[in-house]
Amino acid sequence: MKSKLLSFSMAAALSATLALGIVGCSQMYHSNANAPQISVHSEHNSVQVGETVWIRATTMNLTNSSIKWKVSPTTATLTPDNSRGDQYAKFSATQPGGYMIKAYAKTGDGQWVTSRTSITVISTGNQ
């Protein structure tokens, strides 16, 4: 009985220590509200083959940084609209499948911030 109590006490102490460690770790993490950010949005998660939709990148705390765009797989086209400061791009695909659209920009200190979204392209006539 004494060994069970000792084992239980040690387990409880270990559990309390681990719990404090986890709480301590989560309290140490703070997001920086002034950190450069970029986010990508599409009004449509699913489109038909050949349909064109606009993708928008929104930035926060980025100055004088142009947005770069990338799509994969490369069977789709993504054309930035330079007249809108590169914040918009037209997306279209010639084949059905899943596509990942990524926007990225360089921060003032030379780091990159990125964001991505996905679009499913379905065959014409499929709902």
Protein backbone atom coordinates (compact mmCIF):
# COMPACT_ATOMS: atom_id res chain seq x y z
CA MET A 1 0.00 0.00 0.00
CA LYS A 2 2.84 2.35 0.86
CA SER A 3 4.47 1.80 -2.57
CA LYS A 4 1.15 2.52 -4.32
CA LEU A 5 0.82 5.79 -2.43
CA LEU A 6 4.39 6.71 -3.27
CA SER A 7 3.83 5.86 -6.95
CA PHE A 8 0.62 7.86 -6.99
CA SER A 9 2.33 10.85 -5.34
CA MET A 10 5.20 10.75 -7.82
CA ALA A 11 2.77 10.48 -10.75
CA ALA A 12 0.75 13.42 -9.43
CA ALA A 13 3.89 15.51 -8.96
CA LEU A 14 5.11 14.67 -12.45
CA SER A 15 1.71 15.48 -13.91
CA ALA A 16 1.62 18.85 -12.13
CA THR A 17 5.13 19.66 -13.33
CA LEU A 18 4.28 18.79 -16.92
CA ALA A 19 1.07 20.82 -16.74
CA LEU A 20 3.01 23.84 -15.48
CA GLY A 21 5.52 23.39 -18.27
CA ILE A 22 2.78 23.31 -20.89
CA VAL A 23 1.04 26.35 -19.45
CA GLY A 24 4.38 28.12 -19.23
CA CYS A 25 5.09 27.39 -22.89
CA SER A 26 1.72 28.61 -24.06
CA GLN A 27 2.02 31.79 -22.01
CA MET A 28 5.44 32.50 -23.49
CA TYR A 29 4.03 32.60 -27.03
CA HIS A 30 2.74 36.01 -28.07
CA SER A 31 1.92 37.01 -31.63
CA ASN A 32 3.32 40.31 -32.76
CA ALA A 33 0.46 42.50 -33.97
CA ASN A 34 2.96 44.66 -35.87
CA ALA A 35 4.56 41.74 -37.75
CA PRO A 36 4.29 41.83 -41.56
CA GLN A 37 1.48 39.59 -42.80
CA ILE A 38 -0.15 38.52 -46.03
CA SER A 39 -3.37 36.59 -46.57
CA VAL A 40 -4.95 35.17 -49.73
CA HIS A 41 -8.68 35.00 -50.41
CA SER A 42 -10.89 33.67 -53.17
CA GLU A 43 -14.63 34.13 -53.41
CA HIS A 44 -14.89 30.61 -54.83
CA ASN A 45 -13.47 27.34 -53.48
CA SER A 46 -14.67 25.44 -56.53
CA VAL A 47 -14.85 26.51 -60.19
CA GLN A 48 -15.40 24.84 -63.54
CA VAL A 49 -12.68 24.19 -66.11
CA GLY A 50 -12.00 27.40 -68.06
CA GLU A 51 -13.79 29.65 -65.58
CA THR A 52 -11.84 32.74 -64.47
CA VAL A 53 -11.97 33.97 -60.88
CA TRP A 54 -10.19 36.73 -58.98
CA ILE A 55 -7.81 35.94 -56.14
CA ARG A 56 -6.93 38.73 -53.69
CA ALA A 57 -3.92 39.16 -51.44
CA THR A 58 -4.24 41.45 -48.43
CA THR A 59 -1.15 42.72 -46.64
CA MET A 60 -0.59 44.20 -43.20
CA ASN A 61 2.51 46.02 -42.01
CA LEU A 62 4.21 45.72 -45.40
CA THR A 63 5.37 48.82 -47.22
CA ASN A 64 6.84 49.10 -50.70
CA SER A 65 6.72 45.36 -51.21
CA SER A 66 5.32 43.88 -54.41
CA ILE A 67 3.33 40.67 -54.18
CA LYS A 68 4.55 37.63 -56.09
CA TRP A 69 2.15 34.87 -57.14
CA LYS A 70 2.56 31.16 -57.81
CA VAL A 71 0.14 28.36 -58.70
CA SER A 72 0.67 24.63 -58.68
CA PRO A 73 0.25 22.46 -60.59
CA THR A 74 1.21 24.60 -63.55
CA THR A 75 -1.75 23.50 -65.70
CA ALA A 76 -3.48 26.62 -64.38
CA THR A 77 -2.76 30.25 -65.15
CA LEU A 78 -2.45 32.98 -62.56
CA THR A 79 -2.14 36.48 -63.99
CA PRO A 80 -1.41 39.38 -61.59
CA ASP A 81 -3.29 42.63 -62.21
CA ASN A 82 -0.51 45.24 -62.14
CA SER A 83 -3.03 48.09 -62.25
CA ARG A 84 -4.17 47.07 -58.74
CA GLY A 85 -0.73 46.96 -57.16
CA ASP A 86 -0.35 43.21 -57.66
CA GLN A 87 -2.96 42.54 -54.95
CA TYR A 88 -5.30 40.80 -57.40
CA ALA A 89 -4.64 37.94 -59.79
CA LYS A 90 -6.88 36.10 -62.28
CA PHE A 91 -6.99 32.31 -61.89
CA SER A 92 -8.09 29.85 -64.57
CA ALA A 93 -7.39 26.15 -65.19
CA THR A 94 -7.72 23.98 -68.29
CA GLN A 95 -7.84 20.68 -66.38
CA PRO A 96 -9.88 19.50 -63.39
CA GLY A 97 -8.10 18.95 -60.08
CA GLY A 98 -6.88 20.68 -56.95
CA TYR A 99 -4.78 23.83 -57.24
CA MET A 100 -2.73 25.69 -54.64
CA ILE A 101 -2.37 29.45 -55.06
CA LYS A 102 0.41 31.15 -53.11
CA ALA A 103 1.11 34.85 -52.60
CA TYR A 104 4.35 36.05 -51.06
CA ALA A 105 6.15 39.32 -50.41
CA LYS A 106 9.50 40.41 -49.05
CA THR A 107 9.57 42.33 -45.77
CA GLY A 108 11.77 45.34 -45.05
CA ASP A 109 14.37 43.15 -43.34
CA GLY A 110 14.62 40.71 -46.25
CA GLN A 111 12.36 37.97 -44.87
CA TRP A 112 9.43 36.52 -46.83
CA VAL A 113 5.81 36.29 -45.70
CA THR A 114 3.51 33.87 -47.48
CA SER A 115 -0.09 32.76 -47.56
CA ARG A 116 -1.96 30.27 -49.70
CA THR A 117 -5.40 29.10 -50.61
CA SER A 118 -6.73 26.21 -52.65
CA ILE A 119 -9.30 25.93 -55.43
CA THR A 120 -10.90 22.77 -56.80
CA VAL A 121 -11.52 22.80 -60.53
CA ILE A 122 -14.29 20.50 -61.77
CA SER A 123 -15.18 19.39 -65.30
CA THR A 124 -17.78 21.43 -67.11
CA GLY A 125 -21.23 20.10 -66.30
CA ASN A 126 -20.25 18.44 -62.99
CA GLN A 127 -21.89 19.93 -59.91
